[in-house]
């Protein structure tokens, strides 16, 4: 079993990257930076990049939902200036459901990738894998 420079297996560090991505992005970026700078294993470097890219992928979708939500709020505020009223509660419920679905899907994807990484395997995640293959 191949080990990292810090003494743990390559698969365990790869899985840790995915599992830490579920918790917080700051330690993920720190550990991914360590892997990219100091580790030599190509699979592990690819896992570090993929973990960060998966988090960014889902963050983009969340940002788009927030953009739509804020745009709708602007329309409601403008219509209120002219005396019209728009029911905003239903719209916010839908936006909250979408944010929750994205969050749940992100956790499921990261868990699948993490458990697969314990065996030094890979789970295909189309858009992220295509981007990584193109640029790495």
C-alpha atoms as a PDB file:
ATOM      1  CA  UNK A   1       0.000   0.000   0.000  1.00  0.00           C
ATOM      2  CA  UNK A   2       1.468   3.305  -1.099  1.00  0.00           C
ATOM      3  CA  UNK A   3       1.868   5.918   1.637  1.00  0.00           C
ATOM      4  CA  UNK A   4       1.906   9.697   1.598  1.00  0.00           C
ATOM      5  CA  UNK A   5       4.747  11.777   3.005  1.00  0.00           C
ATOM      6  CA  UNK A   6       2.775  12.214   6.226  1.00  0.00           C
ATOM      7  CA  UNK A   7       2.558   8.433   6.664  1.00  0.00           C
ATOM      8  CA  UNK A   8      -1.044   7.570   5.824  1.00  0.00           C
ATOM      9  CA  UNK A   9      -2.244   5.669   2.802  1.00  0.00           C
ATOM     10  CA  UNK A  10      -2.965   7.445  -0.481  1.00  0.00           C
ATOM     11  CA  UNK A  11      -6.563   6.192  -0.425  1.00  0.00           C
ATOM     12  CA  UNK A  12      -7.211   7.460   3.103  1.00  0.00           C
ATOM     13  CA  UNK A  13      -5.948  10.951   2.274  1.00  0.00           C
ATOM     14  CA  UNK A  14      -8.025  10.978  -0.914  1.00  0.00           C
ATOM     15  CA  UNK A  15     -11.137   9.971   1.027  1.00  0.00           C
ATOM     16  CA  UNK A  16     -10.341  12.579   3.684  1.00  0.00           C
ATOM     17  CA  UNK A  17     -10.311  15.266   0.995  1.00  0.00           C
ATOM     18  CA  UNK A  18     -13.855  14.380  -0.071  1.00  0.00           C
ATOM     19  CA  UNK A  19     -15.157  13.990   3.472  1.00  0.00           C
ATOM     20  CA  UNK A  20     -13.626  17.291   4.584  1.00  0.00           C
ATOM     21  CA  UNK A  21     -15.281  18.940   1.569  1.00  0.00           C
ATOM     22  CA  UNK A  22     -18.627  18.088   3.176  1.00  0.00           C
ATOM     23  CA  UNK A  23     -17.690  19.962   6.339  1.00  0.00           C
ATOM     24  CA  UNK A  24     -15.882  23.122   5.213  1.00  0.00           C
ATOM     25  CA  UNK A  25     -14.046  24.453   2.181  1.00  0.00           C
ATOM     26  CA  UNK A  26     -11.165  26.114   4.063  1.00  0.00           C
ATOM     27  CA  UNK A  27      -9.515  22.921   5.356  1.00  0.00           C
ATOM     28  CA  UNK A  28     -10.239  21.329   1.972  1.00  0.00           C
ATOM     29  CA  UNK A  29      -8.264  24.027   0.178  1.00  0.00           C
ATOM     30  CA  UNK A  30      -5.414  23.771   2.707  1.00  0.00           C
ATOM     31  CA  UNK A  31      -5.129  19.989   2.369  1.00  0.00           C
ATOM     32  CA  UNK A  32      -5.575  20.097  -1.421  1.00  0.00           C
ATOM     33  CA  UNK A  33      -2.818  22.716  -1.582  1.00  0.00           C
ATOM     34  CA  UNK A  34      -0.559  20.455   0.473  1.00  0.00           C
ATOM     35  CA  UNK A  35      -1.262  17.531  -1.850  1.00  0.00           C
ATOM     36  CA  UNK A  36      -0.590  19.569  -4.979  1.00  0.00           C
ATOM     37  CA  UNK A  37       2.631  21.046  -3.605  1.00  0.00           C
ATOM     38  CA  UNK A  38       4.213  18.153  -1.752  1.00  0.00           C
ATOM     39  CA  UNK A  39       2.747  14.799  -2.777  1.00  0.00           C
ATOM     40  CA  UNK A  40       3.939  12.975  -5.893  1.00  0.00           C
ATOM     41  CA  UNK A  41       1.098  10.530  -6.547  1.00  0.00           C
ATOM     42  CA  UNK A  42      -0.825  11.557  -9.695  1.00  0.00           C
ATOM     43  CA  UNK A  43      -4.082   9.897  -8.547  1.00  0.00           C
ATOM     44  CA  UNK A  44      -4.001  11.803  -5.258  1.00  0.00           C
ATOM     45  CA  UNK A  45      -3.349  15.116  -7.029  1.00  0.00           C
ATOM     46  CA  UNK A  46      -6.295  14.432  -9.312  1.00  0.00           C
ATOM     47  CA  UNK A  47      -8.495  13.683  -6.273  1.00  0.00           C
ATOM     48  CA  UNK A  48      -7.447  16.969  -4.641  1.00  0.00           C
ATOM     49  CA  UNK A  49      -8.393  18.924  -7.751  1.00  0.00           C
ATOM     50  CA  UNK A  50     -11.640  16.983  -8.178  1.00  0.00           C
ATOM     51  CA  UNK A  51     -12.731  17.571  -4.570  1.00  0.00           C
ATOM     52  CA  UNK A  52     -12.265  21.325  -4.930  1.00  0.00           C
ATOM     53  CA  UNK A  53     -13.956  21.331  -8.355  1.00  0.00           C
ATOM     54  CA  UNK A  54     -17.004  19.431  -7.068  1.00  0.00           C
ATOM     55  CA  UNK A  55     -17.475  21.978  -4.284  1.00  0.00           C
ATOM     56  CA  UNK A  56     -17.080  24.844  -6.776  1.00  0.00           C
ATOM     57  CA  UNK A  57     -19.534  23.166  -9.178  1.00  0.00           C
ATOM     58  CA  UNK A  58     -22.271  23.071  -6.536  1.00  0.00           C
ATOM     59  CA  UNK A  59     -21.390  26.573  -5.306  1.00  0.00           C
ATOM     60  CA  UNK A  60     -22.026  27.893  -8.813  1.00  0.00           C
ATOM     61  CA  UNK A  61     -25.529  26.392  -8.827  1.00  0.00           C
ATOM     62  CA  UNK A  62     -26.240  27.871  -5.408  1.00  0.00           C
ATOM     63  CA  UNK A  63     -25.008  31.266  -6.609  1.00  0.00           C
ATOM     64  CA  UNK A  64     -27.301  31.077  -9.648  1.00  0.00           C
ATOM     65  CA  UNK A  65     -30.289  30.314  -7.428  1.00  0.00           C
ATOM     66  CA  UNK A  66     -29.354  33.251  -5.210  1.00  0.00           C
ATOM     67  CA  UNK A  67     -29.102  35.471  -8.285  1.00  0.00           C
ATOM     68  CA  UNK A  68     -32.603  34.479  -9.383  1.00  0.00           C
ATOM     69  CA  UNK A  69     -33.915  35.015  -5.863  1.00  0.00           C
ATOM     70  CA  UNK A  70     -32.335  38.457  -5.576  1.00  0.00           C
ATOM     71  CA  UNK A  71     -33.628  39.434  -9.024  1.00  0.00           C
ATOM     72  CA  UNK A  72     -37.130  38.443  -8.001  1.00  0.00           C
ATOM     73  CA  UNK A  73     -36.776  40.488  -4.812  1.00  0.00           C
ATOM     74  CA  UNK A  74     -35.828  43.479  -6.950  1.00  0.00           C
ATOM     75  CA  UNK A  75     -38.946  43.034  -9.088  1.00  0.00           C
ATOM     76  CA  UNK A  76     -41.106  42.808  -5.959  1.00  0.00           C
ATOM     77  CA  UNK A  77     -39.533  45.963  -4.531  1.00  0.00           C
ATOM     78  CA  UNK A  78     -40.053  47.869  -7.773  1.00  0.00           C
ATOM     79  CA  UNK A  79     -43.673  46.730  -8.035  1.00  0.00           C
ATOM     80  CA  UNK A  80     -44.256  47.835  -4.429  1.00  0.00           C
ATOM     81  CA  UNK A  81     -43.180  51.341  -5.409  1.00  0.00           C
ATOM     82  CA  UNK A  82     -46.121  51.467  -7.811  1.00  0.00           C
ATOM     83  CA  UNK A  83     -48.649  50.053  -5.353  1.00  0.00           C
ATOM     84  CA  UNK A  84     -48.794  46.484  -6.717  1.00  0.00           C
ATOM     85  CA  UNK A  85     -48.315  43.513  -4.442  1.00  0.00           C
ATOM     86  CA  UNK A  86     -46.748  40.205  -5.425  1.00  0.00           C
ATOM     87  CA  UNK A  87     -46.836  37.086  -3.264  1.00  0.00           C
ATOM     88  CA  UNK A  88     -43.206  36.366  -2.512  1.00  0.00           C
ATOM     89  CA  UNK A  89     -43.665  33.550   0.036  1.00  0.00           C
ATOM     90  CA  UNK A  90     -44.230  30.790  -2.539  1.00  0.00           C
ATOM     91  CA  UNK A  91     -41.207  31.881  -4.552  1.00  0.00           C
ATOM     92  CA  UNK A  92     -38.960  31.799  -1.490  1.00  0.00           C
ATOM     93  CA  UNK A  93     -40.224  28.325  -0.613  1.00  0.00           C
ATOM     94  CA  UNK A  94     -39.272  27.074  -4.064  1.00  0.00           C
ATOM     95  CA  UNK A  95     -35.824  28.700  -3.814  1.00  0.00           C
ATOM     96  CA  UNK A  96     -35.256  27.138  -0.384  1.00  0.00           C
ATOM     97  CA  UNK A  97     -36.268  23.717  -1.717  1.00  0.00           C
ATOM     98  CA  UNK A  98     -33.808  24.095  -4.611  1.00  0.00           C
ATOM     99  CA  UNK A  99     -30.992  25.104  -2.242  1.00  0.00           C
ATOM    100  CA  UNK A 100     -31.737  22.106  -0.027  1.00  0.00           C
ATOM    101  CA  UNK A 101     -31.816  19.692  -2.977  1.00  0.00           C
ATOM    102  CA  UNK A 102     -28.463  21.009  -4.229  1.00  0.00           C
ATOM    103  CA  UNK A 103     -26.967  20.631  -0.751  1.00  0.00           C
ATOM    104  CA  UNK A 104     -28.232  17.049  -0.371  1.00  0.00           C
ATOM    105  CA  UNK A 105     -26.985  16.066  -3.835  1.00  0.00           C
ATOM    106  CA  UNK A 106     -23.580  17.594  -3.046  1.00  0.00           C
ATOM    107  CA  UNK A 107     -23.260  15.576   0.164  1.00  0.00           C
ATOM    108  CA  UNK A 108     -24.306  12.362  -1.607  1.00  0.00           C
ATOM    109  CA  UNK A 109     -21.805  12.912  -4.426  1.00  0.00           C
ATOM    110  CA  UNK A 110     -18.972  13.695  -1.991  1.00  0.00           C
ATOM    111  CA  UNK A 111     -19.807  10.634   0.144  1.00  0.00           C
ATOM    112  CA  UNK A 112     -19.793   8.369  -2.922  1.00  0.00           C
ATOM    113  CA  UNK A 113     -16.479   9.838  -4.070  1.00  0.00           C
ATOM    114  CA  UNK A 114     -15.004   9.518  -0.572  1.00  0.00           C
ATOM    115  CA  UNK A 115     -15.942   5.868  -0.096  1.00  0.00           C
ATOM    116  CA  UNK A 116     -14.688   5.094  -3.577  1.00  0.00           C
ATOM    117  CA  UNK A 117     -11.404   6.859  -2.817  1.00  0.00           C
ATOM    118  CA  UNK A 118     -10.770   4.558   0.148  1.00  0.00           C
ATOM    119  CA  UNK A 119     -10.175   1.832  -2.458  1.00  0.00           C
ATOM    120  CA  UNK A 120      -8.376   4.312  -4.727  1.00  0.00           C
ATOM    121  CA  UNK A 121     -11.320   4.125  -7.082  1.00  0.00           C
ATOM    122  CA  UNK A 122     -13.204   6.809  -8.931  1.00  0.00           C
ATOM    123  CA  UNK A 123     -16.823   7.765  -9.443  1.00  0.00           C
ATOM    124  CA  UNK A 124     -17.472   9.615 -12.676  1.00  0.00           C
ATOM    125  CA  UNK A 125     -18.987  13.065 -12.244  1.00  0.00           C
ATOM    126  CA  UNK A 126     -19.459  14.212 -15.832  1.00  0.00           C
ATOM    127  CA  UNK A 127     -18.971  17.986 -15.977  1.00  0.00           C
ATOM    128  CA  UNK A 128     -16.222  18.035 -13.364  1.00  0.00           C
ATOM    129  CA  UNK A 129     -14.346  15.066 -14.841  1.00  0.00           C
ATOM    130  CA  UNK A 130     -14.529  16.572 -18.324  1.00  0.00           C
ATOM    131  CA  UNK A 131     -13.086  19.854 -17.086  1.00  0.00           C
ATOM    132  CA  UNK A 132     -10.311  18.137 -15.155  1.00  0.00           C
ATOM    133  CA  UNK A 133      -9.422  15.919 -18.133  1.00  0.00           C
ATOM    134  CA  UNK A 134      -9.256  18.969 -20.366  1.00  0.00           C
ATOM    135  CA  UNK A 135      -7.045  21.055 -18.096  1.00  0.00           C
ATOM    136  CA  UNK A 136      -4.925  18.584 -16.153  1.00  0.00           C
END
